[in-house]
Amino acid sequence: MRKYRVSLPSSIAEYIFMDGVERYPNEACGIILGRVIDDVFTPKEAHKAKNLSDNPIRFILDPKDFIKIQDYADRNNLEIIGIYHTHPDHPPIASQYDLQAAVEGLVYIIMSIWERKKGDTKAFILSDHNSFIEIPIDWV
């Protein structure tokens, strides 16, 4: 079995948190750029994306933002390695809705925001069996 991990810089965690606080009580979402080497997801940058969902506890990432961020990644020799979103006043557990929208090969970072305060952060990948597997986060 492969041993996936995320090497998450505190600066990117702080960026996700600030985005979550700014959009609270709605979910914030965005794209994570970086590299995956030897099963380690190494984020280098995070970019906000518009949430098109009318439901405050769901996210639909704006495809226009996705394309803009993909173009930026291509110009800067980076890869899209993941998606982040926040769970306002809920634990960072991937939902069935999250699973339905998931794409294989990406890491999903979910941060809980409790009354504008940082809660737990978890990382997930899609397994071969169409379910999420939580993977460890190494804080750097």
N, C-alpha and C. Protein backbone atom coordinates (compact mmCIF):
# COMPACT_ATOMS: atom_id res chain seq x y z
N MET A 1 0.84 -1.18 0.00
CA MET A 1 0.00 0.00 0.00
C MET A 1 0.89 1.25 0.00
N ARG A 2 0.51 2.22 -0.81
CA ARG A 2 1.27 3.47 -0.89
C ARG A 2 1.03 4.31 0.36
N LYS A 3 2.02 5.09 0.72
CA LYS A 3 1.94 5.91 1.94
C LYS A 3 1.92 7.39 1.56
N TYR A 4 0.75 7.85 1.17
CA TYR A 4 0.59 9.26 0.82
C TYR A 4 0.67 10.14 2.05
N ARG A 5 1.13 11.39 1.86
CA ARG A 5 1.20 12.39 2.92
C ARG A 5 1.09 13.77 2.27
N VAL A 6 0.83 14.75 3.11
CA VAL A 6 0.87 16.15 2.67
C VAL A 6 1.89 16.86 3.53
N SER A 7 2.81 17.56 2.90
CA SER A 7 3.78 18.40 3.61
C SER A 7 3.25 19.83 3.51
N LEU A 8 2.46 20.24 4.52
CA LEU A 8 1.69 21.48 4.44
C LEU A 8 2.40 22.65 5.13
N PRO A 9 2.85 23.63 4.36
CA PRO A 9 3.46 24.81 4.97
C PRO A 9 2.44 25.60 5.80
N SER A 10 2.88 26.12 6.92
CA SER A 10 1.99 26.90 7.78
C SER A 10 1.45 28.12 7.04
N SER A 11 2.22 28.67 6.10
CA SER A 11 1.76 29.84 5.35
C SER A 11 0.54 29.51 4.49
N ILE A 12 0.49 28.31 3.95
CA ILE A 12 -0.67 27.91 3.15
C ILE A 12 -1.85 27.61 4.04
N ALA A 13 -1.61 26.97 5.18
CA ALA A 13 -2.70 26.74 6.14
C ALA A 13 -3.29 28.07 6.59
N GLU A 14 -2.44 29.06 6.82
CA GLU A 14 -2.92 30.38 7.24
C GLU A 14 -3.72 31.05 6.12
N TYR A 15 -3.30 30.88 4.89
CA TYR A 15 -4.02 31.42 3.73
C TYR A 15 -5.42 30.82 3.66
N ILE A 16 -5.52 29.50 3.83
CA ILE A 16 -6.83 28.82 3.81
C ILE A 16 -7.70 29.34 4.95
N PHE A 17 -7.10 29.47 6.13
CA PHE A 17 -7.84 29.97 7.29
C PHE A 17 -8.38 31.37 7.03
N MET A 18 -7.53 32.26 6.53
CA MET A 18 -7.96 33.64 6.28
C MET A 18 -9.06 33.69 5.22
N ASP A 19 -8.96 32.86 4.21
CA ASP A 19 -10.01 32.78 3.19
C ASP A 19 -11.31 32.30 3.83
N GLY A 20 -11.20 31.30 4.71
CA GLY A 20 -12.38 30.78 5.40
C GLY A 20 -13.03 31.81 6.30
N VAL A 21 -12.23 32.58 7.02
CA VAL A 21 -12.77 33.63 7.90
C VAL A 21 -13.45 34.72 7.06
N GLU A 22 -12.81 35.08 5.96
CA GLU A 22 -13.36 36.13 5.08
C GLU A 22 -14.73 35.74 4.53
N ARG A 23 -14.92 34.46 4.22
CA ARG A 23 -16.18 34.03 3.59
C ARG A 23 -17.16 33.41 4.59
N TYR A 24 -16.76 33.29 5.84
CA TYR A 24 -17.61 32.74 6.90
C TYR A 24 -18.93 33.51 6.95
N PRO A 25 -20.08 32.89 7.08
CA PRO A 25 -20.35 31.49 7.43
C PRO A 25 -20.49 30.55 6.23
N ASN A 26 -20.09 31.02 5.05
CA ASN A 26 -20.14 30.16 3.86
C ASN A 26 -18.82 29.40 3.71
N GLU A 27 -18.87 28.32 2.95
CA GLU A 27 -17.64 27.57 2.67
C GLU A 27 -16.76 28.37 1.72
N ALA A 28 -15.48 28.38 2.02
CA ALA A 28 -14.48 28.93 1.11
C ALA A 28 -13.88 27.76 0.33
N CYS A 29 -13.40 28.04 -0.87
CA CYS A 29 -12.77 26.97 -1.65
C CYS A 29 -11.66 27.56 -2.52
N GLY A 30 -10.76 26.69 -2.92
CA GLY A 30 -9.67 27.13 -3.76
C GLY A 30 -8.85 25.96 -4.26
N ILE A 31 -7.80 26.30 -4.96
CA ILE A 31 -6.96 25.31 -5.64
C ILE A 31 -5.55 25.40 -5.07
N ILE A 32 -4.94 24.23 -4.91
CA ILE A 32 -3.59 24.13 -4.36
C ILE A 32 -2.64 23.73 -5.48
N LEU A 33 -1.57 24.50 -5.61
CA LEU A 33 -0.55 24.24 -6.63
C LEU A 33 0.73 23.77 -5.95
N GLY A 34 1.45 22.89 -6.62
CA GLY A 34 2.71 22.42 -6.08
C GLY A 34 3.22 21.24 -6.87
N ARG A 35 3.73 20.26 -6.14
CA ARG A 35 4.30 19.05 -6.74
C ARG A 35 3.91 17.83 -5.90
N VAL A 36 3.90 16.68 -6.56
CA VAL A 36 3.75 15.40 -5.87
C VAL A 36 4.99 14.58 -6.21
N ILE A 37 5.80 14.29 -5.20
CA ILE A 37 7.02 13.52 -5.40
C ILE A 37 7.04 12.40 -4.36
N ASP A 38 7.22 11.17 -4.84
CA ASP A 38 7.28 10.00 -3.95
C ASP A 38 6.07 9.96 -3.02
N ASP A 39 4.88 10.17 -3.57
CA ASP A 39 3.61 10.10 -2.82
C ASP A 39 3.46 11.19 -1.76
N VAL A 40 4.28 12.23 -1.82
CA VAL A 40 4.16 13.36 -0.90
C VAL A 40 3.64 14.57 -1.68
N PHE A 41 2.45 15.03 -1.29
CA PHE A 41 1.88 16.24 -1.86
C PHE A 41 2.58 17.43 -1.19
N THR A 42 3.23 18.27 -1.99
CA THR A 42 3.95 19.42 -1.44
C THR A 42 3.37 20.70 -2.03
N PRO A 43 2.43 21.33 -1.31
CA PRO A 43 1.85 22.58 -1.78
C PRO A 43 2.89 23.71 -1.79
N LYS A 44 2.85 24.50 -2.85
CA LYS A 44 3.71 25.69 -2.96
C LYS A 44 2.88 26.96 -2.90
N GLU A 45 1.64 26.89 -3.40
CA GLU A 45 0.75 28.05 -3.43
C GLU A 45 -0.69 27.58 -3.29
N ALA A 46 -1.54 28.46 -2.78
CA ALA A 46 -2.99 28.23 -2.77
C ALA A 46 -3.64 29.46 -3.40
N HIS A 47 -4.71 29.22 -4.14
CA HIS A 47 -5.41 30.30 -4.84
C HIS A 47 -6.90 30.20 -4.57
N LYS A 48 -7.50 31.31 -4.16
CA LYS A 48 -8.94 31.36 -3.93
C LYS A 48 -9.68 31.12 -5.23
N ALA A 49 -10.86 30.51 -5.10
CA ALA A 49 -11.77 30.37 -6.24
C ALA A 49 -13.17 30.76 -5.77
N LYS A 50 -13.93 31.29 -6.67
CA LYS A 50 -15.31 31.66 -6.35
C LYS A 50 -16.12 30.39 -6.07
N ASN A 51 -16.95 30.46 -5.04
CA ASN A 51 -17.86 29.37 -4.71
C ASN A 51 -19.21 29.71 -5.34
N LEU A 52 -19.64 28.92 -6.31
CA LEU A 52 -20.89 29.18 -7.02
C LEU A 52 -22.12 28.61 -6.32
N SER A 53 -21.94 27.89 -5.23
CA SER A 53 -23.07 27.26 -4.55
C SER A 53 -23.91 28.29 -3.80
N ASP A 54 -25.22 28.12 -3.87
CA ASP A 54 -26.15 28.94 -3.08
C ASP A 54 -26.28 28.40 -1.66
N ASN A 55 -25.82 27.18 -1.44
CA ASN A 55 -25.90 26.53 -0.14
C ASN A 55 -24.63 26.87 0.65
N PRO A 56 -24.75 27.48 1.84
CA PRO A 56 -23.55 27.90 2.58
C PRO A 56 -22.67 26.74 3.06
N ILE A 57 -23.20 25.51 3.05
CA ILE A 57 -22.39 24.37 3.50
C ILE A 57 -22.02 23.45 2.34
N ARG A 58 -21.95 23.99 1.14
CA ARG A 58 -21.49 23.27 -0.04
C ARG A 58 -20.57 24.20 -0.82
N PHE A 59 -19.77 23.60 -1.69
CA PHE A 59 -19.00 24.45 -2.59
C PHE A 59 -19.06 23.89 -4.00
N ILE A 60 -19.13 24.80 -4.94
CA ILE A 60 -19.00 24.50 -6.36
C ILE A 60 -17.94 25.47 -6.87
N LEU A 61 -16.80 24.93 -7.19
CA LEU A 61 -15.67 25.74 -7.62
C LEU A 61 -15.95 26.31 -9.01
N ASP A 62 -15.79 27.60 -9.16
CA ASP A 62 -16.06 28.28 -10.43
C ASP A 62 -15.11 27.77 -11.51
N PRO A 63 -15.65 27.18 -12.60
CA PRO A 63 -14.78 26.66 -13.65
C PRO A 63 -13.91 27.74 -14.31
N LYS A 64 -14.39 28.99 -14.34
CA LYS A 64 -13.56 30.07 -14.90
C LYS A 64 -12.32 30.29 -14.05
N ASP A 65 -12.49 30.24 -12.73
CA ASP A 65 -11.33 30.37 -11.84
C ASP A 65 -10.39 29.19 -12.01
N PHE A 66 -10.96 27.99 -12.18
CA PHE A 66 -10.13 26.80 -12.38
C PHE A 66 -9.23 26.99 -13.60
N ILE A 67 -9.82 27.46 -14.69
CA ILE A 67 -9.05 27.65 -15.93
C ILE A 67 -7.97 28.72 -15.73
N LYS A 68 -8.31 29.83 -15.09
CA LYS A 68 -7.31 30.89 -14.83
C LYS A 68 -6.15 30.36 -13.99
N ILE A 69 -6.49 29.58 -12.96
CA ILE A 69 -5.44 29.06 -12.07
C ILE A 69 -4.62 28.00 -12.78
N GLN A 70 -5.26 27.18 -13.63
CA GLN A 70 -4.52 26.19 -14.42
C GLN A 70 -3.54 26.90 -15.36
N ASP A 71 -3.99 27.96 -16.01
CA ASP A 71 -3.10 28.73 -16.90
C ASP A 71 -1.92 29.31 -16.11
N TYR A 72 -2.19 29.86 -14.93
CA TYR A 72 -1.13 30.40 -14.08
C TYR A 72 -0.14 29.29 -13.71
N ALA A 73 -0.67 28.12 -13.34
CA ALA A 73 0.20 26.99 -12.97
C ALA A 73 1.09 26.60 -14.14
N ASP A 74 0.52 26.51 -15.33
CA ASP A 74 1.30 26.15 -16.52
C ASP A 74 2.42 27.15 -16.77
N ARG A 75 2.12 28.44 -16.63
CA ARG A 75 3.13 29.48 -16.86
C ARG A 75 4.23 29.47 -15.81
N ASN A 76 3.93 28.94 -14.63
CA ASN A 76 4.88 28.98 -13.52
C ASN A 76 5.44 27.61 -13.15
N ASN A 77 5.30 26.65 -14.07
CA ASN A 77 5.86 25.31 -13.88
C ASN A 77 5.38 24.65 -12.59
N LEU A 78 4.07 24.80 -12.31
CA LEU A 78 3.45 24.16 -11.15
C LEU A 78 2.34 23.25 -11.63
N GLU A 79 1.86 22.41 -10.73
CA GLU A 79 0.76 21.51 -11.05
C GLU A 79 -0.38 21.75 -10.07
N ILE A 80 -1.60 21.52 -10.54
CA ILE A 80 -2.72 21.48 -9.60
C ILE A 80 -2.62 20.15 -8.87
N ILE A 81 -2.40 20.23 -7.54
CA ILE A 81 -2.25 19.00 -6.76
C ILE A 81 -3.42 18.79 -5.80
N GLY A 82 -4.27 19.81 -5.65
CA GLY A 82 -5.36 19.62 -4.71
C GLY A 82 -6.38 20.74 -4.71
N ILE A 83 -7.40 20.50 -3.92
CA ILE A 83 -8.50 21.44 -3.71
C ILE A 83 -8.62 21.63 -2.20
N TYR A 84 -8.86 22.87 -1.79
CA TYR A 84 -9.17 23.09 -0.38
C TYR A 84 -10.57 23.64 -0.24
N HIS A 85 -11.17 23.38 0.88
CA HIS A 85 -12.39 24.07 1.25
C HIS A 85 -12.54 24.04 2.77
N THR A 86 -13.40 24.93 3.25
CA THR A 86 -13.60 25.05 4.69
C THR A 86 -14.96 24.48 5.07
N HIS A 87 -15.05 24.06 6.32
CA HIS A 87 -16.32 23.63 6.90
C HIS A 87 -16.65 24.57 8.05
N PRO A 88 -17.49 25.58 7.79
CA PRO A 88 -17.86 26.51 8.85
C PRO A 88 -18.70 25.81 9.93
N ASP A 89 -18.20 25.85 11.16
CA ASP A 89 -18.90 25.29 12.32
C ASP A 89 -19.22 23.81 12.19
N HIS A 90 -18.37 23.10 11.45
CA HIS A 90 -18.49 21.64 11.30
C HIS A 90 -17.09 21.04 11.27
N PRO A 91 -16.96 19.78 11.67
CA PRO A 91 -15.64 19.14 11.63
C PRO A 91 -15.16 18.94 10.19
N PRO A 92 -13.85 18.76 10.01
CA PRO A 92 -13.28 18.62 8.67
C PRO A 92 -13.39 17.20 8.13
N ILE A 93 -14.61 16.73 8.04
CA ILE A 93 -14.88 15.38 7.56
C ILE A 93 -15.44 15.49 6.14
N ALA A 94 -14.88 14.73 5.22
CA ALA A 94 -15.36 14.76 3.84
C ALA A 94 -16.77 14.20 3.77
N SER A 95 -17.63 14.91 3.07
CA SER A 95 -19.04 14.51 2.96
C SER A 95 -19.26 13.66 1.72
N GLN A 96 -20.45 13.10 1.62
CA GLN A 96 -20.84 12.35 0.43
C GLN A 96 -20.82 13.29 -0.79
N TYR A 97 -21.23 14.52 -0.58
CA TYR A 97 -21.20 15.53 -1.64
C TYR A 97 -19.75 15.76 -2.10
N ASP A 98 -18.83 15.87 -1.15
CA ASP A 98 -17.41 16.03 -1.49
C ASP A 98 -16.93 14.85 -2.32
N LEU A 99 -17.35 13.66 -1.93
CA LEU A 99 -16.93 12.44 -2.62
C LEU A 99 -17.43 12.42 -4.07
N GLN A 100 -18.67 12.83 -4.27
CA GLN A 100 -19.24 12.82 -5.62
C GLN A 100 -18.49 13.76 -6.56
N ALA A 101 -17.94 14.83 -6.03
CA ALA A 101 -17.24 15.82 -6.87
C ALA A 101 -15.73 15.55 -6.96
N ALA A 102 -15.24 14.55 -6.25
CA ALA A 102 -13.79 14.31 -6.16
C ALA A 102 -13.21 13.76 -7.46
N VAL A 103 -11.94 14.09 -7.67
CA VAL A 103 -11.19 13.63 -8.83
C VAL A 103 -9.98 12.86 -8.32
N GLU A 104 -9.72 11.73 -8.93
CA GLU A 104 -8.57 10.91 -8.52
C GLU A 104 -7.26 11.67 -8.79
N GLY A 105 -6.31 11.49 -7.88
CA GLY A 105 -4.99 12.08 -8.05
C GLY A 105 -4.78 13.41 -7.36
N LEU A 106 -5.86 13.97 -6.79
CA LEU A 106 -5.75 15.24 -6.07
C LEU A 106 -5.87 15.00 -4.58
N VAL A 107 -5.30 15.91 -3.80
CA VAL A 107 -5.49 15.89 -2.35
C VAL A 107 -6.58 16.90 -2.03
N TYR A 108 -7.41 16.56 -1.07
CA TYR A 108 -8.49 17.44 -0.62
C TYR A 108 -8.20 17.85 0.81
N ILE A 109 -7.96 19.14 1.02
CA ILE A 109 -7.67 19.65 2.35
C ILE A 109 -8.92 20.37 2.85
N ILE A 110 -9.40 19.93 4.00
CA ILE A 110 -10.60 20.50 4.60
C ILE A 110 -10.22 21.07 5.96
N MET A 111 -10.56 22.34 6.16
CA MET A 111 -10.28 23.01 7.43
C MET A 111 -11.60 23.43 8.06
N SER A 112 -11.77 23.10 9.33
CA SER A 112 -12.96 23.58 10.03
C SER A 112 -12.69 24.98 10.58
N ILE A 113 -13.71 25.81 10.51
CA ILE A 113 -13.67 27.17 11.05
C ILE A 113 -14.82 27.27 12.04
N TRP A 114 -14.51 27.42 13.32
CA TRP A 114 -15.53 27.49 14.37
C TRP A 114 -15.65 28.93 14.83
N GLU A 115 -16.77 29.57 14.51
CA GLU A 115 -17.01 30.97 14.91
C GLU A 115 -15.80 31.84 14.60
N ARG A 116 -15.30 31.70 13.40
CA ARG A 116 -14.14 32.45 12.88
C ARG A 116 -12.82 32.09 13.57
N LYS A 117 -12.78 30.95 14.23
CA LYS A 117 -11.53 30.47 14.84
C LYS A 117 -11.13 29.16 14.15
N LYS A 118 -9.82 28.95 14.03
CA LYS A 118 -9.31 27.78 13.34
C LYS A 118 -9.61 26.51 14.13
N GLY A 119 -10.16 25.53 13.44
CA GLY A 119 -10.38 24.21 14.01
C GLY A 119 -9.37 23.24 13.42
N ASP A 120 -9.74 21.99 13.35
CA ASP A 120 -8.86 20.96 12.81
C ASP A 120 -8.77 21.06 11.28
N THR A 121 -7.70 20.49 10.76
CA THR A 121 -7.49 20.40 9.32
C THR A 121 -7.18 18.95 9.00
N LYS A 122 -7.82 18.44 7.96
CA LYS A 122 -7.56 17.06 7.53
C LYS A 122 -7.35 17.03 6.03
N ALA A 123 -6.67 15.98 5.58
CA ALA A 123 -6.38 15.79 4.16
C ALA A 123 -6.88 14.42 3.73
N PHE A 124 -7.43 14.37 2.53
CA PHE A 124 -8.01 13.14 2.00
C PHE A 124 -7.59 12.96 0.55
N ILE A 125 -7.53 11.70 0.14
CA ILE A 125 -7.39 11.37 -1.28
C ILE A 125 -8.49 10.37 -1.62
N LEU A 126 -8.79 10.28 -2.89
CA LEU A 126 -9.79 9.34 -3.38
C LEU A 126 -9.14 7.97 -3.53
N SER A 127 -9.75 6.95 -2.97
CA SER A 127 -9.20 5.60 -3.08
C SER A 127 -9.68 4.94 -4.36
N ASP A 128 -9.14 3.76 -4.64
CA ASP A 128 -9.57 2.98 -5.79
C ASP A 128 -11.01 2.51 -5.65
N HIS A 129 -11.53 2.52 -4.44
CA HIS A 129 -12.87 2.01 -4.17
C HIS A 129 -13.90 3.13 -4.07
N ASN A 130 -13.59 4.28 -4.67
CA ASN A 130 -14.50 5.42 -4.69
C ASN A 130 -14.93 5.86 -3.29
N SER A 131 -13.95 5.93 -2.42
CA SER A 131 -14.18 6.46 -1.08
C SER A 131 -12.94 7.30 -0.72
N PHE A 132 -13.07 8.10 0.32
CA PHE A 132 -11.94 8.91 0.75
C PHE A 132 -11.10 8.16 1.77
N ILE A 133 -9.80 8.39 1.69
CA ILE A 133 -8.85 7.89 2.68
C ILE A 133 -8.18 9.13 3.29
N GLU A 134 -8.19 9.21 4.61
CA GLU A 134 -7.48 10.31 5.26
C GLU A 134 -5.99 10.02 5.21
N ILE A 135 -5.22 11.05 4.88
CA ILE A 135 -3.76 10.90 4.84
C ILE A 135 -3.13 11.87 5.83
N PRO A 136 -1.94 11.54 6.34
CA PRO A 136 -1.30 12.40 7.34
C PRO A 136 -0.86 13.74 6.77
N ILE A 137 -0.89 14.75 7.64
CA ILE A 137 -0.37 16.07 7.31
C ILE A 137 0.90 16.28 8.12
N ASP A 138 1.99 16.59 7.42
CA ASP A 138 3.24 17.01 8.07
C ASP A 138 3.25 18.53 8.02
N TRP A 139 3.21 19.16 9.18
CA TRP A 139 3.19 20.63 9.25
C TRP A 139 4.61 21.15 9.15
N VAL A 140 4.86 22.00 8.16
CA VAL A 140 6.21 22.55 7.95
C VAL A 140 6.16 24.06 7.91
